[in-house]
Protein backbone atom coordinates (compact mmCIF):
# COMPACT_ATOMS: atom_id res chain seq x y z
CA UNK A 1 -0.11 0.01 0.00
CA UNK A 2 1.39 3.36 -0.91
CA UNK A 3 2.28 5.94 1.64
CA UNK A 4 -0.78 8.18 2.40
CA UNK A 5 -0.27 11.97 2.44
CA UNK A 6 -1.81 12.32 5.90
CA UNK A 7 1.37 10.50 7.24
CA UNK A 8 3.71 13.10 5.43
CA UNK A 9 1.84 15.84 7.47
CA UNK A 10 2.96 14.18 10.78
CA UNK A 11 6.73 14.91 9.50
CA UNK A 12 7.56 18.36 10.83
CA UNK A 13 9.30 19.52 7.72
CA UNK A 14 6.44 18.78 5.72
CA UNK A 15 3.83 20.33 8.14
CA UNK A 16 3.48 23.72 6.25
CA UNK A 17 3.44 22.37 2.84
CA UNK A 18 0.29 22.60 0.62
CA UNK A 19 -0.85 19.16 -0.94
CA UNK A 20 0.31 20.42 -4.34
CA UNK A 21 3.88 21.11 -2.88
CA UNK A 22 3.96 17.73 -1.34
CA UNK A 23 2.91 16.29 -4.81
CA UNK A 24 5.95 17.98 -6.20
CA UNK A 25 8.41 15.72 -4.49
CA UNK A 26 6.61 12.42 -4.96
CA UNK A 27 8.27 10.28 -7.67
CA UNK A 28 6.23 8.48 -10.26
CA UNK A 29 5.29 5.47 -8.51
CA UNK A 30 2.54 3.90 -6.18
CA UNK A 31 2.32 6.73 -3.87
CA UNK A 32 1.96 9.23 -6.75
CA UNK A 33 -0.74 6.99 -8.42
CA UNK A 34 -2.52 6.98 -5.07
CA UNK A 35 -2.54 10.76 -4.88
CA UNK A 36 -3.84 11.23 -8.14
CA UNK A 37 -6.67 8.78 -8.01
CA UNK A 38 -7.91 9.54 -4.42
CA UNK A 39 -6.97 13.34 -3.94
CA UNK A 40 -7.65 14.19 -7.58
CA UNK A 41 -4.26 15.39 -8.30
CA UNK A 42 -2.46 14.74 -11.57
CA UNK A 43 0.79 15.59 -13.13
CA UNK A 44 -0.72 18.61 -14.73
CA UNK A 45 -0.85 20.32 -11.16
CA UNK A 46 3.04 20.47 -11.01
CA UNK A 47 4.68 22.95 -13.25
CA UNK A 48 7.77 20.80 -13.75
CA UNK A 49 8.13 17.32 -15.53
CA UNK A 50 11.05 15.09 -15.28
CA UNK A 51 13.10 13.82 -17.99
CA UNK A 52 12.24 10.24 -17.35
CA UNK A 53 8.68 10.69 -17.72
CA UNK A 54 9.09 12.45 -21.00
CA UNK A 55 11.38 9.70 -22.23
CA UNK A 56 8.72 7.19 -21.43
CA UNK A 57 5.83 9.28 -23.10
CA UNK A 58 7.55 10.38 -26.29
CA UNK A 59 5.03 8.39 -28.39
CA UNK A 60 2.07 9.52 -26.74
CA UNK A 61 -0.30 11.12 -29.41
CA UNK A 62 -1.60 13.88 -26.89
CA UNK A 63 2.01 14.93 -26.18
CA UNK A 64 3.06 18.27 -27.65
CA UNK A 65 6.85 19.20 -27.11
CA UNK A 66 7.77 22.98 -27.73
CA UNK A 67 11.31 23.94 -27.98
CA UNK A 68 11.70 27.66 -27.25
CA UNK A 69 15.51 28.18 -27.04
CA UNK A 70 16.44 31.83 -26.72
CA UNK A 71 19.33 33.75 -26.47
CA UNK A 72 20.18 37.35 -25.06
CA UNK A 73 23.14 39.70 -26.20
CA UNK A 74 23.90 43.36 -25.71
CA UNK A 75 23.85 45.62 -28.76
CA UNK A 76 24.75 49.34 -28.53
CA UNK A 77 24.52 49.23 -24.70
CA UNK A 78 21.02 47.68 -24.67
CA UNK A 79 19.70 44.13 -24.18
CA UNK A 80 18.44 42.36 -27.45
CA UNK A 81 16.78 38.97 -27.26
CA UNK A 82 16.94 36.84 -30.43
CA UNK A 83 15.93 33.41 -31.70
CA UNK A 84 18.20 30.72 -33.39
CA UNK A 85 16.18 27.96 -35.27
CA UNK A 86 19.40 26.50 -36.73
CA UNK A 87 20.28 25.40 -33.19
CA UNK A 88 16.86 23.62 -33.03
CA UNK A 89 17.43 22.07 -36.57
CA UNK A 90 20.81 20.85 -35.55
CA UNK A 91 19.59 19.09 -32.45
CA UNK A 92 16.49 18.75 -30.43
CA UNK A 93 14.45 16.40 -28.37
CA UNK A 94 12.46 13.87 -30.59
CA UNK A 95 8.99 15.10 -31.62
CA UNK A 96 9.64 18.85 -30.59
CA UNK A 97 8.45 21.78 -32.56
CA UNK A 98 10.24 25.11 -32.32
CA UNK A 99 8.75 28.63 -31.67
CA UNK A 100 10.72 31.79 -31.46
CA UNK A 101 10.06 33.65 -28.31
CA UNK A 102 11.42 36.96 -29.27
CA UNK A 103 9.98 36.93 -32.90
CA UNK A 104 6.73 35.04 -32.71
CA UNK A 105 5.49 35.57 -29.09
CA UNK A 106 6.14 39.15 -28.57
CA UNK A 107 3.70 41.79 -28.92
CA UNK A 108 5.47 44.36 -30.90
CA UNK A 109 2.65 46.90 -30.88
CA UNK A 110 3.33 47.49 -27.08
CA UNK A 111 5.72 50.24 -26.11
CA UNK A 112 6.81 48.07 -22.97
CA UNK A 113 9.46 45.50 -24.52
CA UNK A 114 8.94 41.65 -24.68
CA UNK A 115 5.13 41.74 -23.64
CA UNK A 116 3.36 38.62 -24.60
CA UNK A 117 0.91 38.40 -27.52
CA UNK A 118 -2.54 38.83 -26.69
CA UNK A 119 -4.86 35.81 -26.49
CA UNK A 120 -6.06 35.78 -30.00
CA UNK A 121 -2.74 35.87 -31.76
CA UNK A 122 -1.06 33.63 -29.10
CA UNK A 123 -3.82 31.13 -29.43
CA UNK A 124 -3.16 31.19 -33.44
CA UNK A 125 0.51 30.60 -32.77
CA UNK A 126 -0.15 27.57 -30.41
CA UNK A 127 -2.54 26.19 -32.84
CA UNK A 128 0.15 26.39 -35.59
CA UNK A 129 2.44 24.41 -33.29
CA UNK A 130 -0.30 21.82 -32.86
CA UNK A 131 -1.45 22.63 -29.51
CA UNK A 132 -5.11 21.49 -28.62
CA UNK A 133 -7.06 22.00 -25.61
CA UNK A 134 -6.45 18.43 -24.50
CA UNK A 135 -2.73 18.34 -25.40
CA UNK A 136 -0.19 17.69 -22.71
CA UNK A 137 2.29 20.38 -23.60
CA UNK A 138 5.95 20.11 -22.36
CA UNK A 139 8.24 23.21 -22.90
CA UNK A 140 11.94 23.25 -22.82
CA UNK A 141 14.87 25.41 -23.39
CA UNK A 142 18.60 25.25 -22.91
CA UNK A 143 19.68 28.28 -21.15
CA UNK A 144 20.68 26.52 -17.90
CA UNK A 145 17.79 28.20 -16.27
CA UNK A 146 14.26 27.84 -17.34
CA UNK A 147 13.62 31.25 -18.77
CA UNK A 148 12.04 31.19 -22.07
CA UNK A 149 10.33 27.79 -21.43
CA UNK A 150 8.89 29.20 -18.06
CA UNK A 151 7.73 32.07 -19.95
CA UNK A 152 5.73 30.08 -22.56
CA UNK A 153 4.45 27.93 -19.56
CA UNK A 154 3.16 31.07 -17.96
CA UNK A 155 1.60 32.36 -21.07
CA UNK A 156 -0.15 29.09 -21.70
CA UNK A 157 -1.34 28.99 -18.15
CA UNK A 158 -2.61 32.46 -18.32
CA UNK A 159 -4.51 31.73 -21.39
CA UNK A 160 -6.17 28.61 -19.77
CA UNK A 161 -4.29 25.61 -20.93
CA UNK A 162 -4.74 23.12 -18.04
CA UNK A 163 -1.85 20.87 -18.73
CA UNK A 164 1.38 22.37 -19.52
CA UNK A 165 4.73 21.76 -17.81
CA UNK A 166 8.40 22.75 -18.19
CA UNK A 167 11.00 20.08 -18.62
CA UNK A 168 13.05 20.20 -15.54
CA UNK A 169 16.67 20.69 -16.46
CA UNK A 170 15.77 21.49 -20.12
CA UNK A 171 17.86 20.10 -22.96
CA UNK A 172 21.23 20.26 -20.88
CA UNK A 173 19.53 17.50 -18.56
CA UNK A 174 18.28 15.60 -21.08
CA UNK A 175 21.68 15.42 -23.09
CA UNK A 176 23.39 14.98 -19.72
CA UNK A 177 21.41 11.61 -19.12
CA UNK A 178 22.37 10.41 -22.63
CA UNK A 179 18.87 10.75 -24.01
CA UNK A 180 18.10 10.83 -27.79
CA UNK A 181 17.92 13.75 -29.96
CA UNK A 182 17.12 14.44 -33.47
CA UNK A 183 17.61 16.90 -36.24
CA UNK A 184 15.50 18.97 -38.78
CA UNK A 185 12.08 20.39 -38.41
CA UNK A 186 8.70 18.55 -37.83
CA UNK A 187 5.47 19.27 -39.60
CA UNK A 188 2.41 18.95 -37.32
CA UNK A 189 -1.40 19.24 -38.04
CA UNK A 190 -2.96 22.30 -36.62
CA UNK A 191 -4.50 22.07 -33.05
CA UNK A 192 -7.71 23.51 -31.57
CA UNK A 193 -6.33 25.47 -28.56
CA UNK A 194 -8.65 28.12 -27.54
CA UNK A 195 -7.56 30.66 -25.15
CA UNK A 196 -9.63 31.74 -22.02
CA UNK A 197 -7.80 34.33 -20.03
CA UNK A 198 -7.15 33.43 -16.38
CA UNK A 199 -6.82 36.66 -14.34
CA UNK A 200 -5.16 34.99 -11.38
CA UNK A 201 -1.75 34.50 -13.40
CA UNK A 202 -1.04 38.23 -14.10
CA UNK A 203 -0.62 41.39 -12.24
CA UNK A 204 -0.89 44.94 -13.73
CA UNK A 205 0.67 48.17 -12.59
CA UNK A 206 -2.28 49.12 -10.55
CA UNK A 207 -2.09 45.83 -8.78
CA UNK A 208 1.47 46.37 -7.88
CA UNK A 209 0.84 49.87 -6.55
CA UNK A 210 -1.84 48.28 -4.32
CA UNK A 211 0.48 45.73 -3.10
CA UNK A 212 3.26 47.83 -1.85
CA UNK A 213 3.49 47.23 1.89
CA UNK A 214 0.30 45.33 2.11
CA UNK A 215 0.22 42.75 4.71
CA UNK A 216 -0.04 39.22 3.36
CA UNK A 217 1.34 40.40 -0.04
CA UNK A 218 4.91 40.13 -1.09
CA UNK A 219 6.41 41.72 -4.33
CA UNK A 220 9.69 39.55 -5.36
CA UNK A 221 12.21 40.95 -7.72
CA UNK A 222 14.12 38.16 -9.49
CA UNK A 223 16.79 40.44 -11.10
CA UNK A 224 20.59 40.17 -9.97
CA UNK A 225 21.60 41.74 -6.72
CA UNK A 226 23.35 44.58 -8.24
CA UNK A 227 20.26 45.72 -10.27
CA UNK A 228 17.96 45.58 -7.34
CA UNK A 229 20.31 47.75 -5.39
CA UNK A 230 20.45 50.14 -8.19
CA UNK A 231 24.23 49.72 -8.59
CA UNK A 232 23.87 48.07 -12.12
CA UNK A 233 22.77 49.53 -15.27
CA UNK A 234 19.75 48.09 -16.97
CA UNK A 235 20.47 47.20 -20.68
CA UNK A 236 17.05 48.19 -21.54
CA UNK A 237 17.13 51.71 -19.95
CA UNK A 238 15.03 53.23 -17.52
CA UNK A 239 15.82 54.19 -13.96
CA UNK A 240 17.75 51.95 -11.52
CA UNK A 241 16.62 50.28 -8.27
CA UNK A 242 13.54 48.33 -7.56
CA UNK A 243 9.79 48.68 -6.52
CA UNK A 244 9.36 49.69 -2.83
CA UNK A 245 8.96 46.84 -0.26
CA UNK A 246 10.19 44.38 -2.98
CA UNK A 247 12.30 41.34 -1.81
CA UNK A 248 15.27 40.35 -3.95
CA UNK A 249 15.61 36.57 -5.04
CA UNK A 250 17.91 36.35 -8.07
CA UNK A 251 16.25 33.91 -10.67
CA UNK A 252 19.47 31.69 -10.52
CA UNK A 253 18.73 31.07 -6.94
CA UNK A 254 15.92 28.74 -8.04
CA UNK A 255 18.51 26.36 -9.48
CA UNK A 256 20.84 26.97 -6.63
CA UNK A 257 20.64 29.74 -4.03
CA UNK A 258 24.43 29.60 -3.53
CA UNK A 259 24.90 30.82 -7.14
CA UNK A 260 23.24 34.30 -6.75
CA UNK A 261 26.54 35.67 -5.47
CA UNK A 262 28.74 34.09 -8.22
CA UNK A 263 29.75 36.01 -11.38
CA UNK A 264 27.27 35.25 -14.14
CA UNK A 265 30.29 34.15 -16.52
CA UNK A 266 31.43 31.36 -13.86
CA UNK A 267 27.81 30.05 -13.33
CA UNK A 268 27.59 27.49 -16.28
CA UNK A 269 30.82 25.82 -14.91
CA UNK A 270 29.34 25.53 -11.49
CA UNK A 271 26.22 24.02 -12.72
CA UNK A 272 28.25 21.58 -14.67
CA UNK A 273 30.25 20.73 -11.56
CA UNK A 274 26.79 20.22 -9.84
CA UNK A 275 25.92 17.63 -12.46
CA UNK A 276 22.47 18.86 -12.60
CA UNK A 277 20.52 21.72 -14.39
CA UNK A 278 17.28 20.82 -12.29
CA UNK A 279 15.55 23.37 -9.94
CA UNK A 280 17.07 23.20 -6.38
CA UNK A 281 15.90 20.66 -3.89
CA UNK A 282 12.41 21.45 -2.89
CA UNK A 283 12.98 21.76 0.77
CA UNK A 284 16.04 23.84 0.36
CA UNK A 285 14.36 26.07 -2.20
CA UNK A 286 11.31 26.52 0.11
CA UNK A 287 13.48 27.36 3.21
CA UNK A 288 15.30 30.04 1.05
CA UNK A 289 12.00 31.91 0.27
CA UNK A 290 11.01 31.42 3.86
CA UNK A 291 14.17 32.86 5.03
CA UNK A 292 13.08 35.98 2.96
CA UNK A 293 9.99 36.25 4.73
CA UNK A 294 7.77 34.75 1.98
CA UNK A 295 5.11 32.09 3.19
CA UNK A 296 2.94 29.83 1.07
CA UNK A 297 -0.11 31.35 1.87
CA UNK A 298 1.00 34.89 0.90
CA UNK A 299 -0.07 36.55 -2.28
CA UNK A 300 3.07 36.98 -4.31
CA UNK A 301 3.78 39.12 -7.34
CA UNK A 302 6.72 38.24 -9.42
CA UNK A 303 8.72 40.75 -11.40
CA UNK A 304 12.06 41.20 -13.19
CA UNK A 305 13.23 43.35 -16.05
CA UNK A 306 10.88 42.40 -18.93
CA UNK A 307 8.94 39.30 -17.26
CA UNK A 308 11.18 36.64 -18.32
CA UNK A 309 13.45 35.84 -15.22
CA UNK A 310 10.35 36.38 -13.22
CA UNK A 311 8.47 33.74 -15.32
CA UNK A 312 11.18 31.35 -13.81
CA UNK A 313 10.48 32.71 -10.47
CA UNK A 314 7.00 32.07 -10.91
CA UNK A 315 7.50 28.57 -11.93
CA UNK A 316 9.55 27.93 -8.73
CA UNK A 317 6.55 29.46 -6.60
CA UNK A 318 3.94 27.51 -8.28
CA UNK A 319 6.07 24.26 -7.94
CA UNK A 320 6.41 24.94 -4.19
CA UNK A 321 2.79 25.40 -3.77
CA UNK A 322 2.34 29.09 -3.89
CA UNK A 323 -1.05 29.05 -5.34
CA UNK A 324 -1.52 32.84 -5.12
CA UNK A 325 1.42 33.95 -6.95
CA UNK A 326 1.31 35.84 -10.44
CA UNK A 327 3.43 37.73 -12.64
CA UNK A 328 3.72 41.41 -13.29
CA UNK A 329 4.26 41.14 -17.05
CA UNK A 330 5.33 44.81 -17.64
CA UNK A 331 7.94 44.48 -14.69
CA UNK A 332 10.79 46.82 -14.30
CA UNK A 333 10.69 48.05 -18.04
CA UNK A 334 7.30 49.44 -17.52
CA UNK A 335 7.60 50.51 -13.85
CA UNK A 336 10.92 52.41 -14.38
CA UNK A 337 9.83 54.28 -17.48
CA UNK A 338 6.81 55.77 -15.43
CA UNK A 339 8.30 58.64 -13.59
CA UNK A 340 5.32 59.02 -11.53
CA UNK A 341 6.06 55.67 -9.84
CA UNK A 342 8.26 55.45 -6.71
CA UNK A 343 11.57 53.73 -6.95
CA UNK A 344 14.00 52.61 -4.17
CA UNK A 345 17.57 51.86 -4.18
CA UNK A 346 19.51 50.02 -1.46
């Protein structure tokens, strides 16, 4: 007989965890099946999916794998995002289709950079990729930190898809484990996905203003420490600093909290040394957030520079059971451009 979830609650470390958070650490076995059948939990309640599950389900006709590899570089002192389909064509997980986040999913009509497409255009793009309402969508990238993949996961969730997950560790973890890849492009039939906007996934500027200093509501800045303090220079322009009352948790902390204070250029080597590109151990990550004063029953608003690193933060929050967490899509790019809004440096 599998371990019943109420027994887990008798263990001190689990007493403050939500059921979904507990599900997040249960491997695929008899206990997990019991939870799914008796508590109504399924894999779709977890934002992350592991490589072993994906390898075992590559031939599932309901599965749709989306490769959303994305790069970032500086040009003329400003940050520029770009896509490289050629990398996908050279090597990708079998059955995957490619979408360029910066060229195909960004609303270029907005003044704020990198804002996600509206529901109609986003839905059409997903249908072109073969996504249907009943698809099990798995998204991945290869950045060493689930940035673009988390962004697409958030967008699909925000637009009402009920079964979308991010591959934990991405393409690097897949290759590290010696799993197969293929080349070229895949032609797929159009899907039937119809977006239905879920407002609990997004925060607007007015929501953030209302949240500042409000009990039970935490604003989390997922940018690096120097940008949060106001010491660094944002490559996309705008004022330096952070939103008042925000807590700083650099996005890389979700892979390993110890990496937050290591120079960016050295992090890839550290991840390889660690032998894993997966998110940090659940209990370690939860403690890291709790040490910052963030509790699982808090309402949490995640932001960064342009909503991308914060999508990774939101992924970690939802994985840990922070059900009242959402993304401020405009993020610092929108906030800092509005001179009427307050900014702090420290």
